[in-house]
Amino acid sequence: MPEYLLMLAGMCIVTYVPRWIPLVVLSGRRLPEWLIEWLDLIPVAILAALLFPLLVIPEEGGTINFFQPELLTAVPTAIIAFRLKSLSITVIAGMLIFWLVGLLL
């Protein structure tokens, strides 16, 4: 069997098994409420961990810069997202705000 097919099969296994095990183990059980609340916070924590360095620390420096366009765009866009709770309006507003910030800086 060619080497790339073995590699593809291995990647399929290591991708599928970690998703399958919790599904099989937890499928018939009722999860505690505290665990469900904790699991609900995981996407927010991951998004924050991905966005914070991008918004606060520029690539060229390494020092914190509170006046870079990404951060100046993120604050009003987050306010719009929390108030309106509309993904399409938030995305459009964020793009417009980023464009305006780019013109001003």
PDB file of N, CA and C in Angstrom:
ATOM      1  N   MET A   1       0.854  -1.179   0.000  1.00  0.00           N
ATOM      2  CA  MET A   1       0.000   0.000   0.000  1.00  0.00           C
ATOM      3  C   MET A   1       0.900   1.242   0.000  1.00  0.00           C
ATOM      4  N   PRO A   2       0.591   2.199  -0.857  1.00  0.00           N
ATOM      5  CA  PRO A   2       1.428   3.401  -0.901  1.00  0.00           C
ATOM      6  C   PRO A   2       1.453   4.118   0.455  1.00  0.00           C
ATOM      7  N   GLU A   3       2.561   4.779   0.670  1.00  0.00           N
ATOM      8  CA  GLU A   3       2.787   5.448   1.952  1.00  0.00           C
ATOM      9  C   GLU A   3       1.758   6.539   2.234  1.00  0.00           C
ATOM     10  N   TYR A   4       1.343   7.275   1.214  1.00  0.00           N
ATOM     11  CA  TYR A   4       0.398   8.362   1.441  1.00  0.00           C
ATOM     12  C   TYR A   4      -0.982   7.842   1.850  1.00  0.00           C
ATOM     13  N   LEU A   5      -1.364   6.638   1.405  1.00  0.00           N
ATOM     14  CA  LEU A   5      -2.641   6.077   1.843  1.00  0.00           C
ATOM     15  C   LEU A   5      -2.597   5.681   3.314  1.00  0.00           C
ATOM     16  N   LEU A   6      -1.455   5.155   3.757  1.00  0.00           N
ATOM     17  CA  LEU A   6      -1.298   4.854   5.182  1.00  0.00           C
ATOM     18  C   LEU A   6      -1.351   6.137   6.010  1.00  0.00           C
ATOM     19  N   MET A   7      -0.718   7.184   5.499  1.00  0.00           N
ATOM     20  CA  MET A   7      -0.744   8.459   6.204  1.00  0.00           C
ATOM     21  C   MET A   7      -2.163   9.021   6.248  1.00  0.00           C
ATOM     22  N   LEU A   8      -2.887   8.916   5.158  1.00  0.00           N
ATOM     23  CA  LEU A   8      -4.265   9.384   5.118  1.00  0.00           C
ATOM     24  C   LEU A   8      -5.143   8.589   6.077  1.00  0.00           C
ATOM     25  N   ALA A   9      -4.959   7.279   6.119  1.00  0.00           N
ATOM     26  CA  ALA A   9      -5.727   6.442   7.049  1.00  0.00           C
ATOM     27  C   ALA A   9      -5.405   6.806   8.493  1.00  0.00           C
ATOM     28  N   GLY A  10      -4.137   7.051   8.792  1.00  0.00           N
ATOM     29  CA  GLY A  10      -3.749   7.455  10.142  1.00  0.00           C
ATOM     30  C   GLY A  10      -4.359   8.784  10.535  1.00  0.00           C
ATOM     31  N   MET A  11      -4.374   9.738   9.610  1.00  0.00           N
ATOM     32  CA  MET A  11      -4.978  11.040   9.905  1.00  0.00           C
ATOM     33  C   MET A  11      -6.477  10.911  10.121  1.00  0.00           C
ATOM     34  N   CYS A  12      -7.122  10.052   9.367  1.00  0.00           N
ATOM     35  CA  CYS A  12      -8.562   9.819   9.564  1.00  0.00           C
ATOM     36  C   CYS A  12      -8.835   9.233  10.945  1.00  0.00           C
ATOM     37  N   ILE A  13      -7.998   8.297  11.361  1.00  0.00           N
ATOM     38  CA  ILE A  13      -8.198   7.659  12.670  1.00  0.00           C
ATOM     39  C   ILE A  13      -7.999   8.665  13.796  1.00  0.00           C
ATOM     40  N   VAL A  14      -6.908   9.439  13.749  1.00  0.00           N
ATOM     41  CA  VAL A  14      -6.656  10.378  14.844  1.00  0.00           C
ATOM     42  C   VAL A  14      -7.623  11.555  14.830  1.00  0.00           C
ATOM     43  N   THR A  15      -8.304  11.786  13.733  1.00  0.00           N
ATOM     44  CA  THR A  15      -9.332  12.818  13.700  1.00  0.00           C
ATOM     45  C   THR A  15     -10.673  12.273  14.176  1.00  0.00           C
ATOM     46  N   TYR A  16     -11.004  11.072  13.777  1.00  0.00           N
ATOM     47  CA  TYR A  16     -12.323  10.508  14.060  1.00  0.00           C
ATOM     48  C   TYR A  16     -12.449   9.976  15.481  1.00  0.00           C
ATOM     49  N   VAL A  17     -11.440   9.284  15.976  1.00  0.00           N
ATOM     50  CA  VAL A  17     -11.532   8.621  17.286  1.00  0.00           C
ATOM     51  C   VAL A  17     -11.767   9.612  18.430  1.00  0.00           C
ATOM     52  N   PRO A  18     -11.041  10.740  18.530  1.00  0.00           N
ATOM     53  CA  PRO A  18     -11.325  11.659  19.640  1.00  0.00           C
ATOM     54  C   PRO A  18     -12.733  12.259  19.593  1.00  0.00           C
ATOM     55  N   ARG A  19     -13.342  12.319  18.439  1.00  0.00           N
ATOM     56  CA  ARG A  19     -14.717  12.817  18.354  1.00  0.00           C
ATOM     57  C   ARG A  19     -15.725  11.718  18.668  1.00  0.00           C
ATOM     58  N   TRP A  20     -15.370  10.498  18.356  1.00  0.00           N
ATOM     59  CA  TRP A  20     -16.271   9.370  18.518  1.00  0.00           C
ATOM     60  C   TRP A  20     -16.354   8.899  19.968  1.00  0.00           C
ATOM     61  N   ILE A  21     -15.237   8.887  20.684  1.00  0.00           N
ATOM     62  CA  ILE A  21     -15.213   8.366  22.054  1.00  0.00           C
ATOM     63  C   ILE A  21     -16.189   9.108  22.972  1.00  0.00           C
ATOM     64  N   PRO A  22     -16.167  10.443  23.054  1.00  0.00           N
ATOM     65  CA  PRO A  22     -17.145  11.099  23.933  1.00  0.00           C
ATOM     66  C   PRO A  22     -18.590  10.854  23.504  1.00  0.00           C
ATOM     67  N   LEU A  23     -18.818  10.756  22.221  1.00  0.00           N
ATOM     68  CA  LEU A  23     -20.169  10.497  21.740  1.00  0.00           C
ATOM     69  C   LEU A  23     -20.675   9.154  22.228  1.00  0.00           C
ATOM     70  N   VAL A  24     -19.843   8.138  22.159  1.00  0.00           N
ATOM     71  CA  VAL A  24     -20.241   6.797  22.596  1.00  0.00           C
ATOM     72  C   VAL A  24     -20.338   6.724  24.117  1.00  0.00           C
ATOM     73  N   VAL A  25     -19.364   7.280  24.811  1.00  0.00           N
ATOM     74  CA  VAL A  25     -19.324   7.166  26.271  1.00  0.00           C
ATOM     75  C   VAL A  25     -20.445   7.973  26.927  1.00  0.00           C
ATOM     76  N   LEU A  26     -20.739   9.159  26.414  1.00  0.00           N
ATOM     77  CA  LEU A  26     -21.698  10.051  27.067  1.00  0.00           C
ATOM     78  C   LEU A  26     -23.091  10.028  26.452  1.00  0.00           C
ATOM     79  N   SER A  27     -23.329   9.200  25.452  1.00  0.00           N
ATOM     80  CA  SER A  27     -24.602   9.259  24.726  1.00  0.00           C
ATOM     81  C   SER A  27     -25.814   8.926  25.590  1.00  0.00           C
ATOM     82  N   GLY A  28     -25.709   8.011  26.520  1.00  0.00           N
ATOM     83  CA  GLY A  28     -26.873   7.638  27.313  1.00  0.00           C
ATOM     84  C   GLY A  28     -26.923   8.279  28.681  1.00  0.00           C
ATOM     85  N   ARG A  29     -26.013   9.185  28.958  1.00  0.00           N
ATOM     86  CA  ARG A  29     -25.923   9.776  30.293  1.00  0.00           C
ATOM     87  C   ARG A  29     -26.426  11.204  30.314  1.00  0.00           C
ATOM     88  N   ARG A  30     -26.913  11.595  31.450  1.00  0.00           N
ATOM     89  CA  ARG A  30     -27.318  12.984  31.671  1.00  0.00           C
ATOM     90  C   ARG A  30     -26.139  13.710  32.307  1.00  0.00           C
ATOM     91  N   LEU A  31     -25.668  14.765  31.659  1.00  0.00           N
ATOM     92  CA  LEU A  31     -24.528  15.512  32.171  1.00  0.00           C
ATOM     93  C   LEU A  31     -24.977  16.468  33.268  1.00  0.00           C
ATOM     94  N   PRO A  32     -24.138  16.681  34.279  1.00  0.00           N
ATOM     95  CA  PRO A  32     -24.483  17.647  35.323  1.00  0.00           C
ATOM     96  C   PRO A  32     -24.601  19.059  34.743  1.00  0.00           C
ATOM     97  N   GLU A  33     -25.434  19.859  35.364  1.00  0.00           N
ATOM     98  CA  GLU A  33     -25.676  21.216  34.872  1.00  0.00           C
ATOM     99  C   GLU A  33     -24.393  22.050  34.878  1.00  0.00           C
ATOM    100  N   TRP A  34     -23.552  21.894  35.910  1.00  0.00           N
ATOM    101  CA  TRP A  34     -22.316  22.676  35.979  1.00  0.00           C
ATOM    102  C   TRP A  34     -21.384  22.327  34.820  1.00  0.00           C
ATOM    103  N   LEU A  35     -21.384  21.075  34.387  1.00  0.00           N
ATOM    104  CA  LEU A  35     -20.530  20.668  33.274  1.00  0.00           C
ATOM    105  C   LEU A  35     -21.038  21.256  31.960  1.00  0.00           C
ATOM    106  N   ILE A  36     -22.340  21.275  31.788  1.00  0.00           N
ATOM    107  CA  ILE A  36     -22.918  21.869  30.577  1.00  0.00           C
ATOM    108  C   ILE A  36     -22.605  23.359  30.518  1.00  0.00           C
ATOM    109  N   GLU A  37     -22.732  24.054  31.660  1.00  0.00           N
ATOM    110  CA  GLU A  37     -22.407  25.483  31.694  1.00  0.00           C
ATOM    111  C   GLU A  37     -20.927  25.709  31.397  1.00  0.00           C
ATOM    112  N   TRP A  38     -20.076  24.835  31.927  1.00  0.00           N
ATOM    113  CA  TRP A  38     -18.644  24.959  31.691  1.00  0.00           C
ATOM    114  C   TRP A  38     -18.320  24.714  30.216  1.00  0.00           C
ATOM    115  N   LEU A  39     -18.942  23.719  29.619  1.00  0.00           N
ATOM    116  CA  LEU A  39     -18.700  23.416  28.209  1.00  0.00           C
ATOM    117  C   LEU A  39     -19.194  24.538  27.297  1.00  0.00           C
ATOM    118  N   ASP A  40     -20.238  25.246  27.719  1.00  0.00           N
ATOM    119  CA  ASP A  40     -20.737  26.372  26.933  1.00  0.00           C
ATOM    120  C   ASP A  40     -19.724  27.511  26.848  1.00  0.00           C
ATOM    121  N   LEU A  41     -18.809  27.598  27.804  1.00  0.00           N
ATOM    122  CA  LEU A  41     -17.827  28.682  27.820  1.00  0.00           C
ATOM    123  C   LEU A  41     -16.607  28.406  26.945  1.00  0.00           C
ATOM    124  N   ILE A  42     -16.427  27.188  26.507  1.00  0.00           N
ATOM    125  CA  ILE A  42     -15.228  26.828  25.747  1.00  0.00           C
ATOM    126  C   ILE A  42     -15.106  27.603  24.429  1.00  0.00           C
ATOM    127  N   PRO A  43     -16.148  27.729  23.599  1.00  0.00           N
ATOM    128  CA  PRO A  43     -15.978  28.494  22.357  1.00  0.00           C
ATOM    129  C   PRO A  43     -15.595  29.952  22.600  1.00  0.00           C
ATOM    130  N   VAL A  44     -16.162  30.566  23.623  1.00  0.00           N
ATOM    131  CA  VAL A  44     -15.834  31.962  23.930  1.00  0.00           C
ATOM    132  C   VAL A  44     -14.377  32.079  24.364  1.00  0.00           C
ATOM    133  N   ALA A  45     -13.924  31.144  25.186  1.00  0.00           N
ATOM    134  CA  ALA A  45     -12.536  31.174  25.656  1.00  0.00           C
ATOM    135  C   ALA A  45     -11.559  30.968  24.505  1.00  0.00           C
ATOM    136  N   ILE A  46     -11.879  30.070  23.594  1.00  0.00           N
ATOM    137  CA  ILE A  46     -10.997  29.830  22.447  1.00  0.00           C
ATOM    138  C   ILE A  46     -10.950  31.058  21.546  1.00  0.00           C
ATOM    139  N   LEU A  47     -12.102  31.660  21.293  1.00  0.00           N
ATOM    140  CA  LEU A  47     -12.141  32.859  20.461  1.00  0.00           C
ATOM    141  C   LEU A  47     -11.346  33.992  21.098  1.00  0.00           C
ATOM    142  N   ALA A  48     -11.495  34.175  22.404  1.00  0.00           N
ATOM    143  CA  ALA A  48     -10.735  35.220  23.096  1.00  0.00           C
ATOM    144  C   ALA A  48      -9.237  34.948  23.028  1.00  0.00           C
ATOM    145  N   ALA A  49      -8.839  33.703  23.202  1.00  0.00           N
ATOM    146  CA  ALA A  49      -7.415  33.357  23.153  1.00  0.00           C
ATOM    147  C   ALA A  49      -6.834  33.576  21.759  1.00  0.00           C
ATOM    148  N   LEU A  50      -7.635  33.392  20.733  1.00  0.00           N
ATOM    149  CA  LEU A  50      -7.153  33.614  19.371  1.00  0.00           C
ATOM    150  C   LEU A  50      -7.118  35.096  19.008  1.00  0.00           C
ATOM    151  N   LEU A  51      -8.100  35.859  19.476  1.00  0.00           N
ATOM    152  CA  LEU A  51      -8.207  37.257  19.077  1.00  0.00           C
ATOM    153  C   LEU A  51      -7.338  38.207  19.886  1.00  0.00           C
ATOM    154  N   PHE A  52      -7.143  37.949  21.176  1.00  0.00           N
ATOM    155  CA  PHE A  52      -6.433  38.906  22.022  1.00  0.00           C
ATOM    156  C   PHE A  52      -5.038  39.250  21.500  1.00  0.00           C
ATOM    157  N   PRO A  53      -4.185  38.264  21.180  1.00  0.00           N
ATOM    158  CA  PRO A  53      -2.857  38.641  20.663  1.00  0.00           C
ATOM    159  C   PRO A  53      -2.939  39.413  19.347  1.00  0.00           C
ATOM    160  N   LEU A  54      -3.877  39.061  18.498  1.00  0.00           N
ATOM    161  CA  LEU A  54      -4.033  39.753  17.223  1.00  0.00           C
ATOM    162  C   LEU A  54      -4.435  41.211  17.434  1.00  0.00           C
ATOM    163  N   LEU A  55      -5.307  41.456  18.405  1.00  0.00           N
ATOM    164  CA  LEU A  55      -5.833  42.797  18.606  1.00  0.00           C
ATOM    165  C   LEU A  55      -4.886  43.711  19.372  1.00  0.00           C
ATOM    166  N   VAL A  56      -4.079  43.168  20.253  1.00  0.00           N
ATOM    167  CA  VAL A  56      -3.294  44.014  21.152  1.00  0.00           C
ATOM    168  C   VAL A  56      -1.818  44.082  20.775  1.00  0.00           C
ATOM    169  N   ILE A  57      -1.242  43.003  20.261  1.00  0.00           N
ATOM    170  CA  ILE A  57       0.198  42.973  19.995  1.00  0.00           C
ATOM    171  C   ILE A  57       0.427  42.956  18.487  1.00  0.00           C
ATOM    172  N   PRO A  58       1.035  44.003  17.944  1.00  0.00           N
ATOM    173  CA  PRO A  58       1.302  44.023  16.503  1.00  0.00           C
ATOM    174  C   PRO A  58       2.415  43.054  16.133  1.00  0.00           C
ATOM    175  N   GLU A  59       2.460  42.673  14.870  1.00  0.00           N
ATOM    176  CA  GLU A  59       3.456  41.700  14.406  1.00  0.00           C
ATOM    177  C   GLU A  59       4.873  42.264  14.433  1.00  0.00           C
ATOM    178  N   GLU A  60       5.047  43.498  13.997  1.00  0.00           N
ATOM    179  CA  GLU A  60       6.397  44.022  13.837  1.00  0.00           C
ATOM    180  C   GLU A  60       7.090  44.307  15.161  1.00  0.00           C
ATOM    181  N   GLY A  61       6.339  44.720  16.140  1.00  0.00           N
ATOM    182  CA  GLY A  61       6.968  45.084  17.406  1.00  0.00           C
ATOM    183  C   GLY A  61       6.991  43.948  18.389  1.00  0.00           C
ATOM    184  N   GLY A  62       6.084  43.948  19.238  1.00  0.00           N
ATOM    185  CA  GLY A  62       6.034  43.004  20.328  1.00  0.00           C
ATOM    186  C   GLY A  62       5.589  43.742  21.576  1.00  0.00           C
ATOM    187  N   THR A  63       5.491  45.059  21.436  1.00  0.00           N
ATOM    188  CA  THR A  63       4.981  45.863  22.542  1.00  0.00           C
ATOM    189  C   THR A  63       3.486  46.066  22.357  1.00  0.00           C
ATOM    190  N   ILE A  64       2.805  46.292  23.442  1.00  0.00           N
ATOM    191  CA  ILE A  64       1.354  46.476  23.382  1.00  0.00           C
ATOM    192  C   ILE A  64       1.042  47.832  22.769  1.00  0.00           C
ATOM    193  N   ASN A  65       0.137  47.831  21.807  1.00  0.00           N
ATOM    194  CA  ASN A  65      -0.263  49.050  21.121  1.00  0.00           C
ATOM    195  C   ASN A  65      -1.782  49.125  21.132  1.00  0.00           C
ATOM    196  N   PHE A  66      -2.321  50.078  21.872  1.00  0.00           N
ATOM    197  CA  PHE A  66      -3.771  50.196  21.981  1.00  0.00           C
ATOM    198  C   PHE A  66      -4.381  51.025  20.854  1.00  0.00           C
ATOM    199  N   PHE A  67      -3.565  51.539  19.953  1.00  0.00           N
ATOM    200  CA  PHE A  67      -4.083  52.364  18.871  1.00  0.00           C
ATOM    201  C   PHE A  67      -3.833  51.749  17.501  1.00  0.00           C
ATOM    202  N   GLN A  68      -3.846  50.431  17.429  1.00  0.00           N
ATOM    203  CA  GLN A  68      -3.728  49.802  16.121  1.00  0.00           C
ATOM    204  C   GLN A  68      -5.135  49.606  15.542  1.00  0.00           C
ATOM    205  N   PRO A  69      -5.256  49.568  14.231  1.00  0.00           N
ATOM    206  CA  PRO A  69      -6.581  49.543  13.592  1.00  0.00           C
ATOM    207  C   PRO A  69      -7.460  48.369  14.016  1.00  0.00           C
ATOM    208  N   GLU A  70      -6.870  47.199  14.229  1.00  0.00           N
ATOM    209  CA  GLU A  70      -7.674  46.033  14.596  1.00  0.00           C
ATOM    210  C   GLU A  70      -8.377  46.232  15.933  1.00  0.00           C
ATOM    211  N   LEU A  71      -7.664  46.775  16.908  1.00  0.00           N
ATOM    212  CA  LEU A  71      -8.260  46.991  18.229  1.00  0.00           C
ATOM    213  C   LEU A  71      -9.274  48.125  18.194  1.00  0.00           C
ATOM    214  N   LEU A  72      -8.954  49.182  17.472  1.00  0.00           N
ATOM    215  CA  LEU A  72      -9.893  50.298  17.356  1.00  0.00           C
ATOM    216  C   LEU A  72     -11.165  49.883  16.625  1.00  0.00           C
ATOM    217  N   THR A  73     -11.080  48.880  15.797  1.00  0.00           N
ATOM    218  CA  THR A  73     -12.256  48.350  15.111  1.00  0.00           C
ATOM    219  C   THR A  73     -13.015  47.367  15.990  1.00  0.00           C
ATOM    220  N   ALA A  74     -12.308  46.570  16.765  1.00  0.00           N
ATOM    221  CA  ALA A  74     -12.940  45.508  17.558  1.00  0.00           C
ATOM    222  C   ALA A  74     -13.860  46.051  18.640  1.00  0.00           C
ATOM    223  N   VAL A  75     -13.495  47.153  19.264  1.00  0.00           N
ATOM    224  CA  VAL A  75     -14.299  47.672  20.380  1.00  0.00           C
ATOM    225  C   VAL A  75     -15.691  48.109  19.915  1.00  0.00           C
ATOM    226  N   PRO A  76     -15.816  49.009  18.930  1.00  0.00           N
ATOM    227  CA  PRO A  76     -17.180  49.373  18.510  1.00  0.00           C
ATOM    228  C   PRO A  76     -17.939  48.221  17.848  1.00  0.00           C
ATOM    229  N   THR A  77     -17.220  47.335  17.170  1.00  0.00           N
ATOM    230  CA  THR A  77     -17.883  46.181  16.561  1.00  0.00           C
ATOM    231  C   THR A  77     -18.449  45.259  17.632  1.00  0.00           C
ATOM    232  N   ALA A  78     -17.723  45.061  18.720  1.00  0.00           N
ATOM    233  CA  ALA A  78     -18.228  44.236  19.825  1.00  0.00           C
ATOM    234  C   ALA A  78     -19.453  44.871  20.465  1.00  0.00           C
ATOM    235  N   ILE A  79     -19.443  46.185  20.600  1.00  0.00           N
ATOM    236  CA  ILE A  79     -20.614  46.877  21.161  1.00  0.00           C
ATOM    237  C   ILE A  79     -21.822  46.681  20.255  1.00  0.00           C
ATOM    238  N   ILE A  80     -21.619  46.811  18.957  1.00  0.00           N
ATOM    239  CA  ILE A  80     -22.716  46.593  18.004  1.00  0.00           C
ATOM    240  C   ILE A  80     -23.215  45.154  18.092  1.00  0.00           C
ATOM    241  N   ALA A  81     -22.307  44.209  18.195  1.00  0.00           N
ATOM    242  CA  ALA A  81     -22.700  42.797  18.271  1.00  0.00           C
ATOM    243  C   ALA A  81     -23.525  42.517  19.519  1.00  0.00           C
ATOM    244  N   PHE A  82     -23.110  43.056  20.659  1.00  0.00           N
ATOM    245  CA  PHE A  82     -23.843  42.813  21.902  1.00  0.00           C
ATOM    246  C   PHE A  82     -25.209  43.487  21.901  1.00  0.00           C
ATOM    247  N   ARG A  83     -25.308  44.656  21.293  1.00  0.00           N
ATOM    248  CA  ARG A  83     -26.583  45.383  21.319  1.00  0.00           C
ATOM    249  C   ARG A  83     -27.579  44.849  20.296  1.00  0.00           C
ATOM    250  N   LEU A  84     -27.104  44.548  19.091  1.00  0.00           N
ATOM    251  CA  LEU A  84     -28.029  44.164  18.019  1.00  0.00           C
ATOM    252  C   LEU A  84     -28.202  42.655  17.880  1.00  0.00           C
ATOM    253  N   LYS A  85     -27.203  41.880  18.270  1.00  0.00           N
ATOM    254  CA  LYS A  85     -27.254  40.417  18.195  1.00  0.00           C
ATOM    255  C   LYS A  85     -27.599  39.920  16.786  1.00  0.00           C
ATOM    256  N   SER A  86     -27.002  40.565  15.797  1.00  0.00           N
ATOM    257  CA  SER A  86     -27.197  40.180  14.404  1.00  0.00           C
ATOM    258  C   SER A  86     -25.829  39.986  13.760  1.00  0.00           C
ATOM    259  N   LEU A  87     -25.556  38.777  13.302  1.00  0.00           N
ATOM    260  CA  LEU A  87     -24.244  38.483  12.731  1.00  0.00           C
ATOM    261  C   LEU A  87     -23.990  39.287  11.459  1.00  0.00           C
ATOM    262  N   SER A  88     -24.969  39.365  10.582  1.00  0.00           N
ATOM    263  CA  SER A  88     -24.750  40.061   9.314  1.00  0.00           C
ATOM    264  C   SER A  88     -24.513  41.554   9.532  1.00  0.00           C
ATOM    265  N   ILE A  89     -25.289  42.176  10.396  1.00  0.00           N
ATOM    266  CA  ILE A  89     -25.089  43.601  10.673  1.00  0.00           C
ATOM    267  C   ILE A  89     -23.737  43.821  11.348  1.00  0.00           C
ATOM    268  N   THR A  90     -23.355  42.922  12.241  1.00  0.00           N
ATOM    269  CA  THR A  90     -22.069  43.048  12.929  1.00  0.00           C
ATOM    270  C   THR A  90     -20.909  42.948  11.948  1.00  0.00           C
ATOM    271  N   VAL A  91     -20.971  42.001  11.030  1.00  0.00           N
ATOM    272  CA  VAL A  91     -19.888  41.833  10.049  1.00  0.00           C
ATOM    273  C   VAL A  91     -19.800  43.057   9.140  1.00  0.00           C
ATOM    274  N   ILE A  92     -20.923  43.525   8.658  1.00  0.00           N
ATOM    275  CA  ILE A  92     -20.924  44.699   7.777  1.00  0.00           C
ATOM    276  C   ILE A  92     -20.426  45.927   8.527  1.00  0.00           C
ATOM    277  N   ALA A  93     -20.901  46.114   9.756  1.00  0.00           N
ATOM    278  CA  ALA A  93     -20.450  47.255  10.557  1.00  0.00           C
ATOM    279  C   ALA A  93     -18.955  47.160  10.838  1.00  0.00           C
ATOM    280  N   GLY A  94     -18.468  45.974  11.154  1.00  0.00           N
ATOM    281  CA  GLY A  94     -17.039  45.803  11.407  1.00  0.00           C
ATOM    282  C   GLY A  94     -16.196  46.134  10.190  1.00  0.00           C
ATOM    283  N   MET A  95     -16.652  45.729   9.018  1.00  0.00           N
ATOM    284  CA  MET A  95     -15.920  46.043   7.795  1.00  0.00           C
ATOM    285  C   MET A  95     -15.912  47.545   7.533  1.00  0.00           C
ATOM    286  N   LEU A  96     -17.056  48.187   7.736  1.00  0.00           N
ATOM    287  CA  LEU A  96     -17.126  49.638   7.533  1.00  0.00           C
ATOM    288  C   LEU A  96     -16.267  50.384   8.547  1.00  0.00           C
ATOM    289  N   ILE A  97     -16.317  49.963   9.788  1.00  0.00           N
ATOM    290  CA  ILE A  97     -15.506  50.614  10.825  1.00  0.00           C
ATOM    291  C   ILE A  97     -14.025  50.431  10.529  1.00  0.00           C
ATOM    292  N   PHE A  98     -13.620  49.239  10.111  1.00  0.00           N
ATOM    293  CA  PHE A  98     -12.213  48.997   9.780  1.00  0.00           C
ATOM    294  C   PHE A  98     -11.778  49.879   8.617  1.00  0.00           C
ATOM    295  N   TRP A  99     -12.639  50.047   7.644  1.00  0.00           N
ATOM    296  CA  TRP A  99     -12.333  50.912   6.510  1.00  0.00           C
ATOM    297  C   TRP A  99     -12.172  52.362   6.970  1.00  0.00           C
ATOM    298  N   LEU A 100     -13.098  52.828   7.831  1.00  0.00           N
ATOM    299  CA  LEU A 100     -13.014  54.203   8.333  1.00  0.00           C
ATOM    300  C   LEU A 100     -11.766  54.416   9.189  1.00  0.00           C
ATOM    301  N   VAL A 101     -11.445  53.457  10.028  1.00  0.00           N
ATOM    302  CA  VAL A 101     -10.236  53.571  10.852  1.00  0.00           C
ATOM    303  C   VAL A 101      -9.002  53.613   9.959  1.00  0.00           C
ATOM    304  N   GLY A 102      -9.002  52.828   8.901  1.00  0.00           N
ATOM    305  CA  GLY A 102      -7.884  52.856   7.959  1.00  0.00           C
ATOM    306  C   GLY A 102      -7.733  54.208   7.282  1.00  0.00           C
ATOM    307  N   LEU A 103      -8.850  54.871   6.999  1.00  0.00           N
ATOM    308  CA  LEU A 103      -8.786  56.205   6.407  1.00  0.00           C
ATOM    309  C   LEU A 103      -8.252  57.230   7.402  1.00  0.00           C
ATOM    310  N   LEU A 104      -8.636  57.083   8.671  1.00  0.00           N
ATOM    311  CA  LEU A 104      -8.234  58.057   9.689  1.00  0.00           C
ATOM    312  C   LEU A 104      -6.782  57.882  10.131  1.00  0.00           C
ATOM    313  N   LEU A 105      -6.299  56.661  10.120  1.00  0.00           N
ATOM    314  CA  LEU A 105      -4.910  56.440  10.547  1.00  0.00           C
ATOM    315  C   LEU A 105      -4.053  56.467   9.331  1.00  0.00           C
TER     316      LEU A 105
END
